[in-house]
Amino acid sequence: MANTFSIGERKIGEGYPCFVIAEISGNHHQRFEEAEKLLRAAKNAGADAVKLQTYTADTITLNSDKEYFFVIVREL
């Protein structure tokens, strides 16, 4: 017996079509109009759901001048 569950009316599990989740991430740049365009594109591409993020980079990064936070480019 296959394990299944439902999202709304959609059955998820073996023997059912793949449930596609589009990744919009933060690509909307906090602009509603841009998010709407991406949502419509995901729908037109056949996505069943979308995942978005509403953070801004400054809320998840550290402002540090410590040497170990810097990327050092060396020649090969």
PDB file of N, CA and C in Angstrom:
ATOM      1  N   MET A   1       0.843  -1.186   0.000  1.00  0.00           N
ATOM      2  CA  MET A   1       0.000   0.000   0.000  1.00  0.00           C
ATOM      3  C   MET A   1       0.885   1.245   0.000  1.00  0.00           C
ATOM      4  N   ALA A   2       0.645   2.149  -0.933  1.00  0.00           N
ATOM      5  CA  ALA A   2       1.442   3.368  -1.057  1.00  0.00           C
ATOM      6  C   ALA A   2       1.000   4.406  -0.031  1.00  0.00           C
ATOM      7  N   ASN A   3       1.976   5.157   0.467  1.00  0.00           N
ATOM      8  CA  ASN A   3       1.663   6.270   1.365  1.00  0.00           C
ATOM      9  C   ASN A   3       1.252   7.469   0.531  1.00  0.00           C
ATOM     10  N   THR A   4       0.118   8.051   0.856  1.00  0.00           N
ATOM     11  CA  THR A   4      -0.357   9.237   0.148  1.00  0.00           C
ATOM     12  C   THR A   4      -0.872  10.248   1.152  1.00  0.00           C
ATOM     13  N   PHE A   5      -0.945  11.483   0.692  1.00  0.00           N
ATOM     14  CA  PHE A   5      -1.582  12.548   1.457  1.00  0.00           C
ATOM     15  C   PHE A   5      -2.172  13.523   0.456  1.00  0.00           C
ATOM     16  N   SER A   6      -2.916  14.477   0.929  1.00  0.00           N
ATOM     17  CA  SER A   6      -3.572  15.434   0.036  1.00  0.00           C
ATOM     18  C   SER A   6      -3.150  16.850   0.361  1.00  0.00           C
ATOM     19  N   ILE A   7      -3.046  17.638  -0.678  1.00  0.00           N
ATOM     20  CA  ILE A   7      -2.917  19.090  -0.557  1.00  0.00           C
ATOM     21  C   ILE A   7      -4.122  19.639  -1.297  1.00  0.00           C
ATOM     22  N   GLY A   8      -5.082  20.138  -0.548  1.00  0.00           N
ATOM     23  CA  GLY A   8      -6.344  20.527  -1.159  1.00  0.00           C
ATOM     24  C   GLY A   8      -6.987  19.297  -1.761  1.00  0.00           C
ATOM     25  N   GLU A   9      -7.339  19.366  -3.022  1.00  0.00           N
ATOM     26  CA  GLU A   9      -7.949  18.240  -3.727  1.00  0.00           C
ATOM     27  C   GLU A   9      -6.912  17.318  -4.364  1.00  0.00           C
ATOM     28  N   ARG A  10      -5.630  17.722  -4.338  1.00  0.00           N
ATOM     29  CA  ARG A  10      -4.569  16.941  -4.997  1.00  0.00           C
ATOM     30  C   ARG A  10      -4.044  15.830  -4.115  1.00  0.00           C
ATOM     31  N   LYS A  11      -4.014  14.621  -4.646  1.00  0.00           N
ATOM     32  CA  LYS A  11      -3.398  13.481  -3.963  1.00  0.00           C
ATOM     33  C   LYS A  11      -1.909  13.498  -4.283  1.00  0.00           C
ATOM     34  N   ILE A  12      -1.101  13.264  -3.271  1.00  0.00           N
ATOM     35  CA  ILE A  12       0.345  13.239  -3.417  1.00  0.00           C
ATOM     36  C   ILE A  12       0.830  11.853  -3.018  1.00  0.00           C
ATOM     37  N   GLY A  13       1.644  11.250  -3.861  1.00  0.00           N
ATOM     38  CA  GLY A  13       2.201   9.943  -3.542  1.00  0.00           C
ATOM     39  C   GLY A  13       2.406   9.104  -4.787  1.00  0.00           C
ATOM     40  N   GLU A  14       2.870   7.884  -4.574  1.00  0.00           N
ATOM     41  CA  GLU A  14       3.145   6.975  -5.678  1.00  0.00           C
ATOM     42  C   GLU A  14       1.886   6.752  -6.502  1.00  0.00           C
ATOM     43  N   GLY A  15       2.057   6.860  -7.813  1.00  0.00           N
ATOM     44  CA  GLY A  15       0.932   6.648  -8.713  1.00  0.00           C
ATOM     45  C   GLY A  15       0.184   7.921  -9.071  1.00  0.00           C
ATOM     46  N   TYR A  16       0.553   9.045  -8.454  1.00  0.00           N
ATOM     47  CA  TYR A  16      -0.077  10.326  -8.754  1.00  0.00           C
ATOM     48  C   TYR A  16       0.932  11.228  -9.455  1.00  0.00           C
ATOM     49  N   PRO A  17       0.446  12.206 -10.231  1.00  0.00           N
ATOM     50  CA  PRO A  17       1.371  13.117 -10.906  1.00  0.00           C
ATOM     51  C   PRO A  17       2.252  13.869  -9.899  1.00  0.00           C
ATOM     52  N   CYS A  18       3.430  14.227 -10.369  1.00  0.00           N
ATOM     53  CA  CYS A  18       4.373  14.980  -9.545  1.00  0.00           C
ATOM     54  C   CYS A  18       3.763  16.325  -9.143  1.00  0.00           C
ATOM     55  N   PHE A  19       3.955  16.728  -7.901  1.00  0.00           N
ATOM     56  CA  PHE A  19       3.500  18.026  -7.404  1.00  0.00           C
ATOM     57  C   PHE A  19       4.687  18.976  -7.508  1.00  0.00           C
ATOM     58  N   VAL A  20       4.592  19.967  -8.395  1.00  0.00           N
ATOM     59  CA  VAL A  20       5.713  20.861  -8.693  1.00  0.00           C
ATOM     60  C   VAL A  20       5.603  22.137  -7.866  1.00  0.00           C
ATOM     61  N   ILE A  21       6.678  22.439  -7.140  1.00  0.00           N
ATOM     62  CA  ILE A  21       6.758  23.667  -6.348  1.00  0.00           C
ATOM     63  C   ILE A  21       7.801  24.572  -6.987  1.00  0.00           C
ATOM     64  N   ALA A  22       7.379  25.737  -7.475  1.00  0.00           N
ATOM     65  CA  ALA A  22       8.298  26.704  -8.078  1.00  0.00           C
ATOM     66  C   ALA A  22       8.994  27.495  -6.972  1.00  0.00           C
ATOM     67  N   GLU A  23      10.259  27.775  -7.176  1.00  0.00           N
ATOM     68  CA  GLU A  23      11.063  28.529  -6.208  1.00  0.00           C
ATOM     69  C   GLU A  23      11.201  29.958  -6.704  1.00  0.00           C
ATOM     70  N   ILE A  24      10.484  30.870  -6.069  1.00  0.00           N
ATOM     71  CA  ILE A  24      10.583  32.280  -6.440  1.00  0.00           C
ATOM     72  C   ILE A  24      11.647  32.967  -5.594  1.00  0.00           C
ATOM     73  N   SER A  25      11.870  32.455  -4.404  1.00  0.00           N
ATOM     74  CA  SER A  25      12.903  32.971  -3.508  1.00  0.00           C
ATOM     75  C   SER A  25      12.694  34.461  -3.263  1.00  0.00           C
ATOM     76  N   GLY A  26      13.773  35.208  -3.246  1.00  0.00           N
ATOM     77  CA  GLY A  26      13.683  36.653  -3.037  1.00  0.00           C
ATOM     78  C   GLY A  26      13.821  37.417  -4.336  1.00  0.00           C
ATOM     79  N   ASN A  27      13.613  36.741  -5.474  1.00  0.00           N
ATOM     80  CA  ASN A  27      13.826  37.364  -6.777  1.00  0.00           C
ATOM     81  C   ASN A  27      12.812  38.448  -7.113  1.00  0.00           C
ATOM     82  N   HIS A  28      11.844  38.667  -6.265  1.00  0.00           N
ATOM     83  CA  HIS A  28      10.851  39.722  -6.481  1.00  0.00           C
ATOM     84  C   HIS A  28      11.356  41.066  -5.977  1.00  0.00           C
ATOM     85  N   HIS A  29      12.486  41.069  -5.252  1.00  0.00           N
ATOM     86  CA  HIS A  29      13.127  42.296  -4.760  1.00  0.00           C
ATOM     87  C   HIS A  29      12.172  43.172  -3.946  1.00  0.00           C
ATOM     88  N   GLN A  30      11.292  42.526  -3.189  1.00  0.00           N
ATOM     89  CA  GLN A  30      10.333  43.225  -2.327  1.00  0.00           C
ATOM     90  C   GLN A  30       9.342  44.089  -3.118  1.00  0.00           C
ATOM     91  N   ARG A  31       9.143  43.780  -4.402  1.00  0.00           N
ATOM     92  CA  ARG A  31       8.194  44.540  -5.230  1.00  0.00           C
ATOM     93  C   ARG A  31       7.022  43.630  -5.600  1.00  0.00           C
ATOM     94  N   PHE A  32       5.829  44.058  -5.234  1.00  0.00           N
ATOM     95  CA  PHE A  32       4.629  43.258  -5.474  1.00  0.00           C
ATOM     96  C   PHE A  32       4.455  42.933  -6.950  1.00  0.00           C
ATOM     97  N   GLU A  33       4.641  43.936  -7.818  1.00  0.00           N
ATOM     98  CA  GLU A  33       4.436  43.728  -9.247  1.00  0.00           C
ATOM     99  C   GLU A  33       5.387  42.654  -9.786  1.00  0.00           C
ATOM    100  N   GLU A  34       6.620  42.660  -9.312  1.00  0.00           N
ATOM    101  CA  GLU A  34       7.592  41.656  -9.755  1.00  0.00           C
ATOM    102  C   GLU A  34       7.194  40.265  -9.243  1.00  0.00           C
ATOM    103  N   ALA A  35       6.747  40.201  -7.998  1.00  0.00           N
ATOM    104  CA  ALA A  35       6.293  38.923  -7.440  1.00  0.00           C
ATOM    105  C   ALA A  35       5.107  38.388  -8.236  1.00  0.00           C
ATOM    106  N   GLU A  36       4.195  39.276  -8.608  1.00  0.00           N
ATOM    107  CA  GLU A  36       3.026  38.854  -9.385  1.00  0.00           C
ATOM    108  C   GLU A  36       3.444  38.286 -10.746  1.00  0.00           C
ATOM    109  N   LYS A  37       4.418  38.923 -11.405  1.00  0.00           N
ATOM    110  CA  LYS A  37       4.913  38.406 -12.688  1.00  0.00           C
ATOM    111  C   LYS A  37       5.497  37.003 -12.520  1.00  0.00           C
ATOM    112  N   LEU A  38       6.277  36.815 -11.464  1.00  0.00           N
ATOM    113  CA  LEU A  38       6.894  35.512 -11.219  1.00  0.00           C
ATOM    114  C   LEU A  38       5.848  34.453 -10.888  1.00  0.00           C
ATOM    115  N   LEU A  39       4.820  34.841 -10.128  1.00  0.00           N
ATOM    116  CA  LEU A  39       3.738  33.904  -9.810  1.00  0.00           C
ATOM    117  C   LEU A  39       3.000  33.470 -11.072  1.00  0.00           C
ATOM    118  N   ARG A  40       2.718  34.427 -11.936  1.00  0.00           N
ATOM    119  CA  ARG A  40       2.019  34.100 -13.190  1.00  0.00           C
ATOM    120  C   ARG A  40       2.886  33.211 -14.086  1.00  0.00           C
ATOM    121  N   ALA A  41       4.186  33.488 -14.121  1.00  0.00           N
ATOM    122  CA  ALA A  41       5.097  32.658 -14.924  1.00  0.00           C
ATOM    123  C   ALA A  41       5.126  31.231 -14.384  1.00  0.00           C
ATOM    124  N   ALA A  42       5.140  31.088 -13.066  1.00  0.00           N
ATOM    125  CA  ALA A  42       5.131  29.752 -12.459  1.00  0.00           C
ATOM    126  C   ALA A  42       3.839  29.018 -12.804  1.00  0.00           C
ATOM    127  N   LYS A  43       2.727  29.732 -12.731  1.00  0.00           N
ATOM    128  CA  LYS A  43       1.436  29.120 -13.080  1.00  0.00           C
ATOM    129  C   LYS A  43       1.425  28.692 -14.539  1.00  0.00           C
ATOM    130  N   ASN A  44       1.890  29.577 -15.427  1.00  0.00           N
ATOM    131  CA  ASN A  44       1.904  29.267 -16.859  1.00  0.00           C
ATOM    132  C   ASN A  44       2.834  28.098 -17.184  1.00  0.00           C
ATOM    133  N   ALA A  45       3.854  27.906 -16.358  1.00  0.00           N
ATOM    134  CA  ALA A  45       4.785  26.794 -16.559  1.00  0.00           C
ATOM    135  C   ALA A  45       4.244  25.486 -15.986  1.00  0.00           C
ATOM    136  N   GLY A  46       3.113  25.556 -15.276  1.00  0.00           N
ATOM    137  CA  GLY A  46       2.494  24.343 -14.757  1.00  0.00           C
ATOM    138  C   GLY A  46       2.780  24.035 -13.304  1.00  0.00           C
ATOM    139  N   ALA A  47       3.370  24.973 -12.573  1.00  0.00           N
ATOM    140  CA  ALA A  47       3.655  24.735 -11.153  1.00  0.00           C
ATOM    141  C   ALA A  47       2.355  24.589 -10.369  1.00  0.00           C
ATOM    142  N   ASP A  48       2.383  23.713  -9.377  1.00  0.00           N
ATOM    143  CA  ASP A  48       1.225  23.510  -8.508  1.00  0.00           C
ATOM    144  C   ASP A  48       1.245  24.440  -7.304  1.00  0.00           C
ATOM    145  N   ALA A  49       2.437  24.908  -6.936  1.00  0.00           N
ATOM    146  CA  ALA A  49       2.598  25.772  -5.767  1.00  0.00           C
ATOM    147  C   ALA A  49       3.861  26.602  -5.964  1.00  0.00           C
ATOM    148  N   VAL A  50       4.024  27.620  -5.149  1.00  0.00           N
ATOM    149  CA  VAL A  50       5.251  28.422  -5.176  1.00  0.00           C
ATOM    150  C   VAL A  50       5.768  28.619  -3.761  1.00  0.00           C
ATOM    151  N   LYS A  51       7.068  28.784  -3.669  1.00  0.00           N
ATOM    152  CA  LYS A  51       7.723  29.110  -2.407  1.00  0.00           C
ATOM    153  C   LYS A  51       8.379  30.462  -2.607  1.00  0.00           C
ATOM    154  N   LEU A  52       8.105  31.394  -1.708  1.00  0.00           N
ATOM    155  CA  LEU A  52       8.770  32.678  -1.773  1.00  0.00           C
ATOM    156  C   LEU A  52       9.407  33.022  -0.451  1.00  0.00           C
ATOM    157  N   GLN A  53      10.283  33.988  -0.503  1.00  0.00           N
ATOM    158  CA  GLN A  53      10.931  34.482   0.700  1.00  0.00           C
ATOM    159  C   GLN A  53      10.745  35.986   0.725  1.00  0.00           C
ATOM    160  N   THR A  54      10.574  36.526   1.912  1.00  0.00           N
ATOM    161  CA  THR A  54      10.348  37.965   2.020  1.00  0.00           C
ATOM    162  C   THR A  54      11.444  38.663   2.808  1.00  0.00           C
ATOM    163  N   TYR A  55      12.555  37.992   3.030  1.00  0.00           N
ATOM    164  CA  TYR A  55      13.653  38.603   3.769  1.00  0.00           C
ATOM    165  C   TYR A  55      14.444  39.540   2.862  1.00  0.00           C
ATOM    166  N   THR A  56      15.255  40.369   3.472  1.00  0.00           N
ATOM    167  CA  THR A  56      16.253  41.137   2.735  1.00  0.00           C
ATOM    168  C   THR A  56      17.614  40.669   3.225  1.00  0.00           C
ATOM    169  N   ALA A  57      18.601  40.749   2.368  1.00  0.00           N
ATOM    170  CA  ALA A  57      19.920  40.197   2.686  1.00  0.00           C
ATOM    171  C   ALA A  57      20.487  40.754   3.993  1.00  0.00           C
ATOM    172  N   ASP A  58      20.234  42.009   4.278  1.00  0.00           N
ATOM    173  CA  ASP A  58      20.798  42.608   5.492  1.00  0.00           C
ATOM    174  C   ASP A  58      20.204  42.024   6.772  1.00  0.00           C
ATOM    175  N   THR A  59      19.104  41.298   6.671  1.00  0.00           N
ATOM    176  CA  THR A  59      18.513  40.707   7.878  1.00  0.00           C
ATOM    177  C   THR A  59      19.061  39.320   8.180  1.00  0.00           C
ATOM    178  N   ILE A  60      19.854  38.755   7.254  1.00  0.00           N
ATOM    179  CA  ILE A  60      20.379  37.409   7.487  1.00  0.00           C
ATOM    180  C   ILE A  60      21.900  37.332   7.371  1.00  0.00           C
ATOM    181  N   THR A  61      22.553  38.461   7.231  1.00  0.00           N
ATOM    182  CA  THR A  61      24.010  38.460   7.128  1.00  0.00           C
ATOM    183  C   THR A  61      24.608  39.261   8.269  1.00  0.00           C
ATOM    184  N   LEU A  62      25.863  39.017   8.515  1.00  0.00           N
ATOM    185  CA  LEU A  62      26.580  39.734   9.561  1.00  0.00           C
ATOM    186  C   LEU A  62      27.390  40.868   8.956  1.00  0.00           C
ATOM    187  N   ASN A  63      27.408  41.984   9.625  1.00  0.00           N
ATOM    188  CA  ASN A  63      28.254  43.096   9.224  1.00  0.00           C
ATOM    189  C   ASN A  63      29.528  42.976  10.046  1.00  0.00           C
ATOM    190  N   SER A  64      30.544  42.365   9.459  1.00  0.00           N
ATOM    191  CA  SER A  64      31.766  42.086  10.205  1.00  0.00           C
ATOM    192  C   SER A  64      32.988  42.442   9.378  1.00  0.00           C
ATOM    193  N   ASP A  65      33.989  42.983  10.053  1.00  0.00           N
ATOM    194  CA  ASP A  65      35.254  43.263   9.378  1.00  0.00           C
ATOM    195  C   ASP A  65      36.333  42.264   9.788  1.00  0.00           C
ATOM    196  N   LYS A  66      35.932  41.157  10.385  1.00  0.00           N
ATOM    197  CA  LYS A  66      36.877  40.119  10.794  1.00  0.00           C
ATOM    198  C   LYS A  66      37.484  39.462   9.550  1.00  0.00           C
ATOM    199  N   GLU A  67      38.763  39.174   9.612  1.00  0.00           N
ATOM    200  CA  GLU A  67      39.481  38.611   8.472  1.00  0.00           C
ATOM    201  C   GLU A  67      38.865  37.302   7.982  1.00  0.00           C
ATOM    202  N   TYR A  68      38.375  36.472   8.883  1.00  0.00           N
ATOM    203  CA  TYR A  68      37.836  35.176   8.470  1.00  0.00           C
ATOM    204  C   TYR A  68      36.491  35.278   7.759  1.00  0.00           C
ATOM    205  N   PHE A  69      35.906  36.463   7.655  1.00  0.00           N
ATOM    206  CA  PHE A  69      34.676  36.653   6.899  1.00  0.00           C
ATOM    207  C   PHE A  69      34.948  37.052   5.447  1.00  0.00           C
ATOM    208  N   PHE A  70      36.187  37.361   5.118  1.00  0.00           N
ATOM    209  CA  PHE A  70      36.524  37.828   3.784  1.00  0.00           C
ATOM    210  C   PHE A  70      36.875  36.671   2.859  1.00  0.00           C
ATOM    211  N   VAL A  71      36.507  36.821   1.601  1.00  0.00           N
ATOM    212  CA  VAL A  71      36.874  35.847   0.585  1.00  0.00           C
ATOM    213  C   VAL A  71      38.225  36.269   0.032  1.00  0.00           C
ATOM    214  N   ILE A  72      39.169  35.353   0.074  1.00  0.00           N
ATOM    215  CA  ILE A  72      40.511  35.645  -0.413  1.00  0.00           C
ATOM    216  C   ILE A  72      40.697  34.921  -1.739  1.00  0.00           C
ATOM    217  N   VAL A  73      41.047  35.676  -2.767  1.00  0.00           N
ATOM    218  CA  VAL A  73      41.269  35.097  -4.086  1.00  0.00           C
ATOM    219  C   VAL A  73      42.765  34.894  -4.264  1.00  0.00           C
ATOM    220  N   ARG A  74      43.137  33.664  -4.546  1.00  0.00           N
ATOM    221  CA  ARG A  74      44.543  33.331  -4.773  1.00  0.00           C
ATOM    222  C   ARG A  74      44.692  32.769  -6.174  1.00  0.00           C
ATOM    223  N   GLU A  75      45.855  32.953  -6.743  1.00  0.00           N
ATOM    224  CA  GLU A  75      46.126  32.385  -8.063  1.00  0.00           C
ATOM    225  C   GLU A  75      46.347  30.894  -7.939  1.00  0.00           C
ATOM    226  N   LEU A  76      45.962  30.165  -8.967  1.00  0.00           N
ATOM    227  CA  LEU A  76      46.191  28.720  -8.998  1.00  0.00           C
ATOM    228  C   LEU A  76      47.577  28.397  -9.486  1.00  0.00           C
TER     229      LEU A  76
END
